[in-house]
PDB file of all heavy atoms in Angstrom:
ATOM      1  N   GLU A   1      10.497 -24.285  -6.630  1.00  0.00           N
ATOM      2  CA  GLU A   1      10.137 -22.915  -6.987  1.00  0.00           C
ATOM      3  C   GLU A   1       9.000 -23.008  -7.989  1.00  0.00           C
ATOM      4  O   GLU A   1       9.107 -23.698  -9.004  1.00  0.00           O
ATOM      5  CB  GLU A   1      11.320 -22.168  -7.602  1.00  0.00           C
ATOM      6  CG  GLU A   1      12.391 -21.795  -6.598  1.00  0.00           C
ATOM      7  CD  GLU A   1      13.462 -20.905  -7.209  1.00  0.00           C
ATOM      8  OE1 GLU A   1      13.277 -20.454  -8.360  1.00  0.00           O
ATOM      9  OE2 GLU A   1      14.483 -20.665  -6.534  1.00  0.00           O
ATOM     10  N   ILE A   2       7.902 -22.344  -7.695  1.00  0.00           N
ATOM     11  CA  ILE A   2       6.719 -22.434  -8.549  1.00  0.00           C
ATOM     12  C   ILE A   2       6.718 -21.279  -9.552  1.00  0.00           C
ATOM     13  O   ILE A   2       7.316 -20.231  -9.313  1.00  0.00           O
ATOM     14  CB  ILE A   2       5.428 -22.406  -7.713  1.00  0.00           C
ATOM     15  CG1 ILE A   2       5.344 -21.130  -6.867  1.00  0.00           C
ATOM     16  CG2 ILE A   2       5.332 -23.649  -6.836  1.00  0.00           C
ATOM     17  CD1 ILE A   2       4.050 -20.992  -6.095  1.00  0.00           C
ATOM     18  N   PRO A   3       6.071 -21.451 -10.699  1.00  0.00           N
ATOM     19  CA  PRO A   3       5.982 -20.346 -11.671  1.00  0.00           C
ATOM     20  C   PRO A   3       5.171 -19.187 -11.105  1.00  0.00           C
ATOM     21  O   PRO A   3       4.218 -19.391 -10.350  1.00  0.00           O
ATOM     22  CB  PRO A   3       5.288 -20.997 -12.871  1.00  0.00           C
ATOM     23  CG  PRO A   3       4.584 -22.194 -12.326  1.00  0.00           C
ATOM     24  CD  PRO A   3       5.418 -22.669 -11.178  1.00  0.00           C
ATOM     25  N   GLY A   4       5.571 -17.971 -11.442  1.00  0.00           N
ATOM     26  CA  GLY A   4       4.868 -16.792 -10.943  1.00  0.00           C
ATOM     27  C   GLY A   4       5.080 -16.558  -9.465  1.00  0.00           C
ATOM     28  O   GLY A   4       4.248 -15.910  -8.823  1.00  0.00           O
ATOM     29  N   ARG A   5       6.188 -17.029  -8.921  1.00  0.00           N
ATOM     30  CA  ARG A   5       6.393 -16.972  -7.465  1.00  0.00           C
ATOM     31  C   ARG A   5       6.407 -15.542  -6.932  1.00  0.00           C
ATOM     32  O   ARG A   5       6.038 -15.300  -5.783  1.00  0.00           O
ATOM     33  CB  ARG A   5       7.679 -17.711  -7.086  1.00  0.00           C
ATOM     34  CG  ARG A   5       8.954 -17.101  -7.600  1.00  0.00           C
ATOM     35  CD  ARG A   5      10.120 -18.098  -7.547  1.00  0.00           C
ATOM     36  NE  ARG A   5      10.336 -18.675  -6.242  1.00  0.00           N
ATOM     37  CZ  ARG A   5      11.388 -18.357  -5.459  1.00  0.00           C
ATOM     38  NH1 ARG A   5      12.263 -17.444  -5.861  1.00  0.00           N
ATOM     39  NH2 ARG A   5      11.547 -18.951  -4.317  1.00  0.00           N
ATOM     40  N   ASP A   6       6.823 -14.548  -7.756  1.00  0.00           N
ATOM     41  CA  ASP A   6       6.850 -13.163  -7.281  1.00  0.00           C
ATOM     42  C   ASP A   6       5.455 -12.677  -6.898  1.00  0.00           C
ATOM     43  O   ASP A   6       5.291 -11.923  -5.936  1.00  0.00           O
ATOM     44  CB  ASP A   6       7.447 -12.248  -8.349  1.00  0.00           C
ATOM     45  CG  ASP A   6       8.947 -12.484  -8.537  1.00  0.00           C
ATOM     46  OD1 ASP A   6       9.554 -13.114  -7.647  1.00  0.00           O
ATOM     47  OD2 ASP A   6       9.486 -12.064  -9.576  1.00  0.00           O
ATOM     48  N   LEU A   7       4.442 -13.127  -7.642  1.00  0.00           N
ATOM     49  CA  LEU A   7       3.074 -12.727  -7.329  1.00  0.00           C
ATOM     50  C   LEU A   7       2.618 -13.338  -5.998  1.00  0.00           C
ATOM     51  O   LEU A   7       1.952 -12.680  -5.190  1.00  0.00           O
ATOM     52  CB  LEU A   7       2.140 -13.158  -8.454  1.00  0.00           C
ATOM     53  CG  LEU A   7       2.325 -12.438  -9.808  1.00  0.00           C
ATOM     54  CD1 LEU A   7       1.478 -13.100 -10.878  1.00  0.00           C
ATOM     55  CD2 LEU A   7       1.955 -10.969  -9.665  1.00  0.00           C
ATOM     56  N   TYR A   8       2.992 -14.601  -5.774  1.00  0.00           N
ATOM     57  CA  TYR A   8       2.622 -15.255  -4.515  1.00  0.00           C
ATOM     58  C   TYR A   8       3.382 -14.626  -3.343  1.00  0.00           C
ATOM     59  O   TYR A   8       2.828 -14.478  -2.243  1.00  0.00           O
ATOM     60  CB  TYR A   8       2.903 -16.756  -4.596  1.00  0.00           C
ATOM     61  CG  TYR A   8       2.035 -17.470  -5.598  1.00  0.00           C
ATOM     62  CD1 TYR A   8       2.468 -17.683  -6.899  1.00  0.00           C
ATOM     63  CD2 TYR A   8       0.758 -17.920  -5.245  1.00  0.00           C
ATOM     64  CE1 TYR A   8       1.673 -18.327  -7.829  1.00  0.00           C
ATOM     65  CE2 TYR A   8      -0.050 -18.567  -6.165  1.00  0.00           C
ATOM     66  CZ  TYR A   8       0.409 -18.761  -7.467  1.00  0.00           C
ATOM     67  OH  TYR A   8      -0.400 -19.407  -8.383  1.00  0.00           O
ATOM     68  N   PHE A   9       4.633 -14.245  -3.576  1.00  0.00           N
ATOM     69  CA  PHE A   9       5.417 -13.596  -2.523  1.00  0.00           C
ATOM     70  C   PHE A   9       4.828 -12.218  -2.195  1.00  0.00           C
ATOM     71  O   PHE A   9       4.841 -11.786  -1.037  1.00  0.00           O
ATOM     72  CB  PHE A   9       6.874 -13.453  -2.955  1.00  0.00           C
ATOM     73  CG  PHE A   9       7.667 -14.718  -2.784  1.00  0.00           C
ATOM     74  CD1 PHE A   9       7.042 -15.939  -2.586  1.00  0.00           C
ATOM     75  CD2 PHE A   9       9.047 -14.691  -2.829  1.00  0.00           C
ATOM     76  CE1 PHE A   9       7.774 -17.112  -2.433  1.00  0.00           C
ATOM     77  CE2 PHE A   9       9.798 -15.854  -2.669  1.00  0.00           C
ATOM     78  CZ  PHE A   9       9.147 -17.064  -2.473  1.00  0.00           C
ATOM     79  N   SER A  10       4.313 -11.526  -3.208  1.00  0.00           N
ATOM     80  CA  SER A  10       3.669 -10.235  -2.975  1.00  0.00           C
ATOM     81  C   SER A  10       2.428 -10.416  -2.101  1.00  0.00           C
ATOM     82  O   SER A  10       2.180  -9.628  -1.180  1.00  0.00           O
ATOM     83  CB  SER A  10       3.291  -9.599  -4.321  1.00  0.00           C
ATOM     84  OG  SER A  10       2.565  -8.410  -4.126  1.00  0.00           O
ATOM     85  N   ALA A  11       1.660 -11.481  -2.383  1.00  0.00           N
ATOM     86  CA  ALA A  11       0.489 -11.776  -1.544  1.00  0.00           C
ATOM     87  C   ALA A  11       0.922 -12.132  -0.130  1.00  0.00           C
ATOM     88  O   ALA A  11       0.294 -11.720   0.856  1.00  0.00           O
ATOM     89  CB  ALA A  11      -0.302 -12.922  -2.168  1.00  0.00           C
ATOM     90  N   ALA A  12       2.033 -12.881  -0.014  1.00  0.00           N
ATOM     91  CA  ALA A  12       2.519 -13.278   1.301  1.00  0.00           C
ATOM     92  C   ALA A  12       2.928 -12.066   2.128  1.00  0.00           C
ATOM     93  O   ALA A  12       2.683 -12.001   3.345  1.00  0.00           O
ATOM     94  CB  ALA A  12       3.698 -14.236   1.147  1.00  0.00           C
ATOM     95  N   GLU A  13       3.542 -11.076   1.481  1.00  0.00           N
ATOM     96  CA  GLU A  13       3.967  -9.881   2.209  1.00  0.00           C
ATOM     97  C   GLU A  13       2.771  -9.152   2.818  1.00  0.00           C
ATOM     98  O   GLU A  13       2.842  -8.637   3.936  1.00  0.00           O
ATOM     99  CB  GLU A  13       4.742  -8.962   1.273  1.00  0.00           C
ATOM    100  CG  GLU A  13       6.137  -9.488   0.933  1.00  0.00           C
ATOM    101  CD  GLU A  13       6.823  -8.666  -0.143  1.00  0.00           C
ATOM    102  OE1 GLU A  13       6.238  -7.634  -0.559  1.00  0.00           O
ATOM    103  OE2 GLU A  13       7.923  -9.045  -0.562  1.00  0.00           O
ATOM    104  N   ARG A  14       1.671  -9.083   2.083  1.00  0.00           N
ATOM    105  CA  ARG A  14       0.467  -8.440   2.629  1.00  0.00           C
ATOM    106  C   ARG A  14      -0.021  -9.157   3.891  1.00  0.00           C
ATOM    107  O   ARG A  14      -0.379  -8.512   4.877  1.00  0.00           O
ATOM    108  CB  ARG A  14      -0.650  -8.430   1.589  1.00  0.00           C
ATOM    109  CG  ARG A  14      -0.433  -7.503   0.425  1.00  0.00           C
ATOM    110  CD  ARG A  14      -1.731  -7.322  -0.345  1.00  0.00           C
ATOM    111  NE  ARG A  14      -1.528  -6.576  -1.571  1.00  0.00           N
ATOM    112  CZ  ARG A  14      -2.522  -6.228  -2.403  1.00  0.00           C
ATOM    113  NH1 ARG A  14      -3.770  -6.581  -2.121  1.00  0.00           N
ATOM    114  NH2 ARG A  14      -2.262  -5.554  -3.519  1.00  0.00           N
ATOM    115  N   ILE A  15      -0.022 -10.471   3.833  1.00  0.00           N
ATOM    116  CA  ILE A  15      -0.492 -11.249   4.980  1.00  0.00           C
ATOM    117  C   ILE A  15       0.470 -11.096   6.154  1.00  0.00           C
ATOM    118  O   ILE A  15       0.054 -10.887   7.306  1.00  0.00           O
ATOM    119  CB  ILE A  15      -0.649 -12.733   4.600  1.00  0.00           C
ATOM    120  CG1 ILE A  15      -1.718 -12.909   3.508  1.00  0.00           C
ATOM    121  CG2 ILE A  15      -1.002 -13.571   5.834  1.00  0.00           C
ATOM    122  CD1 ILE A  15      -3.104 -12.429   3.886  1.00  0.00           C
ATOM    123  N   GLU A  16       1.757 -11.166   5.901  1.00  0.00           N
ATOM    124  CA  GLU A  16       2.749 -11.092   6.980  1.00  0.00           C
ATOM    125  C   GLU A  16       2.737  -9.732   7.659  1.00  0.00           C
ATOM    126  O   GLU A  16       2.916  -9.628   8.880  1.00  0.00           O
ATOM    127  CB  GLU A  16       4.139 -11.407   6.409  1.00  0.00           C
ATOM    128  CG  GLU A  16       4.290 -12.868   6.017  1.00  0.00           C
ATOM    129  CD  GLU A  16       5.515 -13.143   5.169  1.00  0.00           C
ATOM    130  OE1 GLU A  16       6.276 -12.191   4.874  1.00  0.00           O
ATOM    131  OE2 GLU A  16       5.713 -14.311   4.784  1.00  0.00           O
ATOM    132  N   GLN A  17       2.512  -8.674   6.886  1.00  0.00           N
ATOM    133  CA  GLN A  17       2.439  -7.339   7.477  1.00  0.00           C
ATOM    134  C   GLN A  17       1.249  -7.182   8.407  1.00  0.00           C
ATOM    135  O   GLN A  17       1.292  -6.377   9.338  1.00  0.00           O
ATOM    136  CB  GLN A  17       2.373  -6.282   6.367  1.00  0.00           C
ATOM    137  CG  GLN A  17       3.681  -6.119   5.595  1.00  0.00           C
ATOM    138  CD  GLN A  17       3.532  -5.245   4.356  1.00  0.00           C
ATOM    139  OE1 GLN A  17       2.457  -4.688   4.104  1.00  0.00           O
ATOM    140  NE2 GLN A  17       4.607  -5.150   3.581  1.00  0.00           N
ATOM    141  N   ALA A  18       0.193  -7.978   8.167  1.00  0.00           N
ATOM    142  CA  ALA A  18      -1.007  -7.900   9.014  1.00  0.00           C
ATOM    143  C   ALA A  18      -1.007  -8.954  10.114  1.00  0.00           C
ATOM    144  O   ALA A  18      -2.021  -9.169  10.781  1.00  0.00           O
ATOM    145  CB  ALA A  18      -2.258  -8.072   8.145  1.00  0.00           C
ATOM    146  N   SER A  19       0.158  -9.624  10.325  1.00  0.00           N
ATOM    147  CA  SER A  19       0.218 -10.766  11.250  1.00  0.00           C
ATOM    148  C   SER A  19       1.234 -10.543  12.366  1.00  0.00           C
ATOM    149  O   SER A  19       1.992 -11.446  12.717  1.00  0.00           O
ATOM    150  CB  SER A  19       0.566 -12.043  10.478  1.00  0.00           C
ATOM    151  OG  SER A  19      -0.305 -12.264   9.404  1.00  0.00           O
ATOM    152  N   ALA A  20       1.247  -9.331  12.925  1.00  0.00           N
ATOM    153  CA  ALA A  20       2.205  -9.034  13.994  1.00  0.00           C
ATOM    154  C   ALA A  20       1.992  -9.951  15.196  1.00  0.00           C
ATOM    155  O   ALA A  20       2.947 -10.475  15.776  1.00  0.00           O
ATOM    156  CB  ALA A  20       2.076  -7.580  14.417  1.00  0.00           C
ATOM    157  N   GLU A  21       0.735 -10.174  15.593  1.00  0.00           N
ATOM    158  CA  GLU A  21       0.437 -11.026  16.745  1.00  0.00           C
ATOM    159  C   GLU A  21      -0.088 -12.395  16.315  1.00  0.00           C
ATOM    160  O   GLU A  21       0.309 -13.419  16.852  1.00  0.00           O
ATOM    161  CB  GLU A  21      -0.584 -10.337  17.652  1.00  0.00           C
ATOM    162  CG  GLU A  21      -0.049  -9.049  18.293  1.00  0.00           C
ATOM    163  CD  GLU A  21      -1.040  -8.440  19.252  1.00  0.00           C
ATOM    164  OE1 GLU A  21      -2.119  -9.046  19.461  1.00  0.00           O
ATOM    165  OE2 GLU A  21      -0.751  -7.352  19.786  1.00  0.00           O
ATOM    166  N   LYS A  22      -0.994 -12.386  15.376  1.00  0.00           N
ATOM    167  CA  LYS A  22      -1.521 -13.656  14.870  1.00  0.00           C
ATOM    168  C   LYS A  22      -1.974 -13.461  13.436  1.00  0.00           C
ATOM    169  O   LYS A  22      -2.176 -12.332  12.980  1.00  0.00           O
ATOM    170  CB  LYS A  22      -2.667 -14.167  15.737  1.00  0.00           C
ATOM    171  CG  LYS A  22      -3.914 -13.285  15.727  1.00  0.00           C
ATOM    172  CD  LYS A  22      -5.024 -13.921  16.562  1.00  0.00           C
ATOM    173  CE  LYS A  22      -6.306 -13.093  16.465  1.00  0.00           C
ATOM    174  NZ  LYS A  22      -7.416 -13.708  17.224  1.00  0.00           N
ATOM    175  N   PHE A  23      -2.160 -14.561  12.743  1.00  0.00           N
ATOM    176  CA  PHE A  23      -2.603 -14.486  11.358  1.00  0.00           C
ATOM    177  C   PHE A  23      -4.027 -13.939  11.295  1.00  0.00           C
ATOM    178  O   PHE A  23      -4.838 -14.170  12.206  1.00  0.00           O
ATOM    179  CB  PHE A  23      -2.564 -15.864  10.707  1.00  0.00           C
ATOM    180  CG  PHE A  23      -1.179 -16.334  10.352  1.00  0.00           C
ATOM    181  CD1 PHE A  23      -0.667 -17.503  10.893  1.00  0.00           C
ATOM    182  CD2 PHE A  23      -0.384 -15.615   9.465  1.00  0.00           C
ATOM    183  CE1 PHE A  23       0.608 -17.951  10.568  1.00  0.00           C
ATOM    184  CE2 PHE A  23       0.887 -16.052   9.123  1.00  0.00           C
ATOM    185  CZ  PHE A  23       1.394 -17.217   9.677  1.00  0.00           C
ATOM    186  N   PRO A  24      -4.366 -13.225  10.202  1.00  0.00           N
ATOM    187  CA  PRO A  24      -5.743 -12.743  10.051  1.00  0.00           C
ATOM    188  C   PRO A  24      -6.740 -13.897   9.931  1.00  0.00           C
ATOM    189  O   PRO A  24      -6.382 -15.007   9.540  1.00  0.00           O
ATOM    190  CB  PRO A  24      -5.696 -11.941   8.744  1.00  0.00           C
ATOM    191  CG  PRO A  24      -4.254 -11.684   8.468  1.00  0.00           C
ATOM    192  CD  PRO A  24      -3.495 -12.812   9.093  1.00  0.00           C
ATOM    193  N   ALA A  25      -7.990 -13.617  10.276  1.00  0.00           N
ATOM    194  CA  ALA A  25      -9.049 -14.596  10.052  1.00  0.00           C
ATOM    195  C   ALA A  25      -9.251 -14.791   8.552  1.00  0.00           C
ATOM    196  O   ALA A  25      -8.750 -14.002   7.734  1.00  0.00           O
ATOM    197  CB  ALA A  25     -10.338 -14.131  10.707  1.00  0.00           C
ATOM    198  N   LYS A  26      -9.967 -15.835   8.187  1.00  0.00           N
ATOM    199  CA  LYS A  26     -10.120 -16.184   6.776  1.00  0.00           C
ATOM    200  C   LYS A  26     -10.701 -15.033   5.966  1.00  0.00           C
ATOM    201  O   LYS A  26     -10.201 -14.694   4.887  1.00  0.00           O
ATOM    202  CB  LYS A  26     -11.003 -17.427   6.650  1.00  0.00           C
ATOM    203  CG  LYS A  26     -11.192 -17.914   5.222  1.00  0.00           C
ATOM    204  CD  LYS A  26     -12.012 -19.192   5.177  1.00  0.00           C
ATOM    205  CE  LYS A  26     -12.186 -19.679   3.740  1.00  0.00           C
ATOM    206  NZ  LYS A  26     -12.960 -20.942   3.672  1.00  0.00           N
ATOM    207  N   GLU A  27     -11.776 -14.417   6.469  1.00  0.00           N
ATOM    208  CA  GLU A  27     -12.435 -13.335   5.727  1.00  0.00           C
ATOM    209  C   GLU A  27     -11.505 -12.145   5.554  1.00  0.00           C
ATOM    210  O   GLU A  27     -11.388 -11.570   4.462  1.00  0.00           O
ATOM    211  CB  GLU A  27     -13.715 -12.907   6.440  1.00  0.00           C
ATOM    212  CG  GLU A  27     -14.792 -13.984   6.510  1.00  0.00           C
ATOM    213  CD  GLU A  27     -14.514 -15.042   7.573  1.00  0.00           C
ATOM    214  OE1 GLU A  27     -13.595 -14.843   8.402  1.00  0.00           O
ATOM    215  OE2 GLU A  27     -15.194 -16.083   7.563  1.00  0.00           O
ATOM    216  N   GLN A  28     -10.799 -11.767   6.633  1.00  0.00           N
ATOM    217  CA  GLN A  28      -9.883 -10.640   6.567  1.00  0.00           C
ATOM    218  C   GLN A  28      -8.725 -10.925   5.615  1.00  0.00           C
ATOM    219  O   GLN A  28      -8.306 -10.061   4.841  1.00  0.00           O
ATOM    220  CB  GLN A  28      -9.351 -10.309   7.960  1.00  0.00           C
ATOM    221  CG  GLN A  28      -8.419  -9.110   8.000  1.00  0.00           C
ATOM    222  CD  GLN A  28      -7.792  -8.907   9.365  1.00  0.00           C
ATOM    223  OE1 GLN A  28      -8.096  -9.638  10.315  1.00  0.00           O
ATOM    224  NE2 GLN A  28      -6.909  -7.915   9.483  1.00  0.00           N
ATOM    225  N   GLY A  29      -8.221 -12.159   5.658  1.00  0.00           N
ATOM    226  CA  GLY A  29      -7.116 -12.526   4.783  1.00  0.00           C
ATOM    227  C   GLY A  29      -7.490 -12.440   3.317  1.00  0.00           C
ATOM    228  O   GLY A  29      -6.707 -11.960   2.482  1.00  0.00           O
ATOM    229  N   ASN A  30      -8.691 -12.900   2.978  1.00  0.00           N
ATOM    230  CA  ASN A  30      -9.126 -12.837   1.589  1.00  0.00           C
ATOM    231  C   ASN A  30      -9.346 -11.401   1.129  1.00  0.00           C
ATOM    232  O   ASN A  30      -9.120 -11.073  -0.047  1.00  0.00           O
ATOM    233  CB  ASN A  30     -10.401 -13.664   1.401  1.00  0.00           C
ATOM    234  CG  ASN A  30     -10.108 -15.151   1.278  1.00  0.00           C
ATOM    235  OD1 ASN A  30      -9.278 -15.567   0.487  1.00  0.00           O
ATOM    236  ND2 ASN A  30     -10.772 -15.969   2.095  1.00  0.00           N
ATOM    237  N   LEU A  31      -9.763 -10.517   2.047  1.00  0.00           N
ATOM    238  CA  LEU A  31      -9.882  -9.101   1.705  1.00  0.00           C
ATOM    239  C   LEU A  31      -8.515  -8.501   1.392  1.00  0.00           C
ATOM    240  O   LEU A  31      -8.363  -7.704   0.456  1.00  0.00           O
ATOM    241  CB  LEU A  31     -10.537  -8.336   2.859  1.00  0.00           C
ATOM    242  CG  LEU A  31     -12.051  -8.498   3.026  1.00  0.00           C
ATOM    243  CD1 LEU A  31     -12.529  -7.804   4.294  1.00  0.00           C
ATOM    244  CD2 LEU A  31     -12.789  -7.934   1.802  1.00  0.00           C
ATOM    245  N   LEU A  32      -7.500  -8.896   2.170  1.00  0.00           N
ATOM    246  CA  LEU A  32      -6.148  -8.384   1.941  1.00  0.00           C
ATOM    247  C   LEU A  32      -5.591  -8.802   0.582  1.00  0.00           C
ATOM    248  O   LEU A  32      -4.758  -8.103  -0.001  1.00  0.00           O
ATOM    249  CB  LEU A  32      -5.206  -8.883   3.048  1.00  0.00           C
ATOM    250  CG  LEU A  32      -5.412  -8.287   4.446  1.00  0.00           C
ATOM    251  CD1 LEU A  32      -4.578  -9.051   5.477  1.00  0.00           C
ATOM    252  CD2 LEU A  32      -5.010  -6.814   4.444  1.00  0.00           C
ATOM    253  N   LEU A  33      -6.055  -9.948   0.079  1.00  0.00           N
ATOM    254  CA  LEU A  33      -5.525 -10.464  -1.195  1.00  0.00           C
ATOM    255  C   LEU A  33      -6.324 -10.018  -2.410  1.00  0.00           C
ATOM    256  O   LEU A  33      -6.007 -10.420  -3.539  1.00  0.00           O
ATOM    257  CB  LEU A  33      -5.488 -11.996  -1.155  1.00  0.00           C
ATOM    258  CG  LEU A  33      -4.580 -12.633  -0.104  1.00  0.00           C
ATOM    259  CD1 LEU A  33      -4.549 -14.143  -0.271  1.00  0.00           C
ATOM    260  CD2 LEU A  33      -3.167 -12.068  -0.186  1.00  0.00           C
ATOM    261  N   GLN A  34      -7.351  -9.199  -2.187  1.00  0.00           N
ATOM    262  CA  GLN A  34      -8.164  -8.749  -3.316  1.00  0.00           C
ATOM    263  C   GLN A  34      -7.303  -8.002  -4.338  1.00  0.00           C
ATOM    264  O   GLN A  34      -6.461  -7.175  -3.979  1.00  0.00           O
ATOM    265  CB  GLN A  34      -9.292  -7.834  -2.833  1.00  0.00           C
ATOM    266  CG  GLN A  34     -10.489  -8.596  -2.312  1.00  0.00           C
ATOM    267  CD  GLN A  34     -11.674  -7.688  -2.037  1.00  0.00           C
ATOM    268  OE1 GLN A  34     -11.528  -6.477  -1.957  1.00  0.00           O
ATOM    269  NE2 GLN A  34     -12.848  -8.279  -1.882  1.00  0.00           N
ATOM    270  N   GLY A  35      -7.486  -8.328  -5.593  1.00  0.00           N
ATOM    271  CA  GLY A  35      -6.755  -7.660  -6.662  1.00  0.00           C
ATOM    272  C   GLY A  35      -5.489  -8.374  -7.090  1.00  0.00           C
ATOM    273  O   GLY A  35      -4.925  -8.056  -8.143  1.00  0.00           O
ATOM    274  N   ILE A  36      -5.006  -9.331  -6.276  1.00  0.00           N
ATOM    275  CA  ILE A  36      -3.807 -10.081  -6.668  1.00  0.00           C
ATOM    276  C   ILE A  36      -4.239 -11.352  -7.387  1.00  0.00           C
ATOM    277  O   ILE A  36      -5.027 -12.143  -6.859  1.00  0.00           O
ATOM    278  CB  ILE A  36      -2.940 -10.436  -5.450  1.00  0.00           C
ATOM    279  CG1 ILE A  36      -2.533  -9.180  -4.679  1.00  0.00           C
ATOM    280  CG2 ILE A  36      -1.695 -11.198  -5.889  1.00  0.00           C
ATOM    281  CD1 ILE A  36      -1.642  -9.455  -3.492  1.00  0.00           C
ATOM    282  N   LYS A  37      -3.724 -11.537  -8.579  1.00  0.00           N
ATOM    283  CA  LYS A  37      -4.071 -12.725  -9.370  1.00  0.00           C
ATOM    284  C   LYS A  37      -2.802 -13.465  -9.781  1.00  0.00           C
ATOM    285  O   LYS A  37      -1.714 -12.885  -9.833  1.00  0.00           O
ATOM    286  CB  LYS A  37      -4.881 -12.329 -10.606  1.00  0.00           C
ATOM    287  CG  LYS A  37      -6.214 -11.664 -10.283  1.00  0.00           C
ATOM    288  CD  LYS A  37      -7.001 -11.382 -11.546  1.00  0.00           C
ATOM    289  CE  LYS A  37      -8.315 -10.669 -11.238  1.00  0.00           C
ATOM    290  NZ  LYS A  37      -9.229 -11.504 -10.439  1.00  0.00           N
ATOM    291  N   ASP A  38      -2.964 -14.768 -10.058  1.00  0.00           N
ATOM    292  CA  ASP A  38      -1.815 -15.543 -10.511  1.00  0.00           C
ATOM    293  C   ASP A  38      -1.569 -15.257 -11.993  1.00  0.00           C
ATOM    294  O   ASP A  38      -2.350 -14.528 -12.641  1.00  0.00           O
ATOM    295  CB  ASP A  38      -2.031 -17.034 -10.216  1.00  0.00           C
ATOM    296  CG  ASP A  38      -3.122 -17.672 -11.073  1.00  0.00           C
ATOM    297  OD1 ASP A  38      -3.588 -17.040 -12.042  1.00  0.00           O
ATOM    298  OD2 ASP A  38      -3.519 -18.816 -10.773  1.00  0.00           O
ATOM    299  N   PRO A  39      -0.500 -15.784 -12.586  1.00  0.00           N
ATOM    300  CA  PRO A  39      -0.196 -15.474 -14.001  1.00  0.00           C
ATOM    301  C   PRO A  39      -1.282 -15.885 -14.982  1.00  0.00           C
ATOM    302  O   PRO A  39      -1.258 -15.434 -16.139  1.00  0.00           O
ATOM    303  CB  PRO A  39       1.094 -16.271 -14.256  1.00  0.00           C
ATOM    304  CG  PRO A  39       1.743 -16.416 -12.919  1.00  0.00           C
ATOM    305  CD  PRO A  39       0.597 -16.563 -11.957  1.00  0.00           C
ATOM    306  N   TRP A  40      -2.222 -16.710 -14.557  1.00  0.00           N
ATOM    307  CA  TRP A  40      -3.295 -17.161 -15.445  1.00  0.00           C
ATOM    308  C   TRP A  40      -4.612 -16.436 -15.170  1.00  0.00           C
ATOM    309  O   TRP A  40      -5.652 -16.825 -15.669  1.00  0.00           O
ATOM    310  CB  TRP A  40      -3.468 -18.676 -15.314  1.00  0.00           C
ATOM    311  CG  TRP A  40      -2.212 -19.405 -15.672  1.00  0.00           C
ATOM    312  CD1 TRP A  40      -1.833 -19.838 -16.913  1.00  0.00           C
ATOM    313  CD2 TRP A  40      -1.136 -19.728 -14.787  1.00  0.00           C
ATOM    314  NE1 TRP A  40      -0.595 -20.414 -16.863  1.00  0.00           N
ATOM    315  CE2 TRP A  40      -0.131 -20.368 -15.566  1.00  0.00           C
ATOM    316  CE3 TRP A  40      -0.914 -19.538 -13.422  1.00  0.00           C
ATOM    317  CZ2 TRP A  40       1.063 -20.811 -15.018  1.00  0.00           C
ATOM    318  CZ3 TRP A  40       0.277 -19.985 -12.880  1.00  0.00           C
ATOM    319  CH2 TRP A  40       1.258 -20.610 -13.662  1.00  0.00           C
ATOM    320  N   GLY A  41      -4.543 -15.385 -14.349  1.00  0.00           N
ATOM    321  CA  GLY A  41      -5.715 -14.561 -14.082  1.00  0.00           C
ATOM    322  C   GLY A  41      -6.623 -15.074 -12.988  1.00  0.00           C
ATOM    323  O   GLY A  41      -7.743 -14.575 -12.828  1.00  0.00           O
TER     324      GLY A  41
END
């Protein structure tokens, strides 16, 4: 279990919600994660 895991799980939920058929492309995935930061900013 890594520190700040809730933040990473929140990021994972965004990706999983957009992955009904396949995972998003790299650019799209990074757009989905905009605004989420780890505990160290």
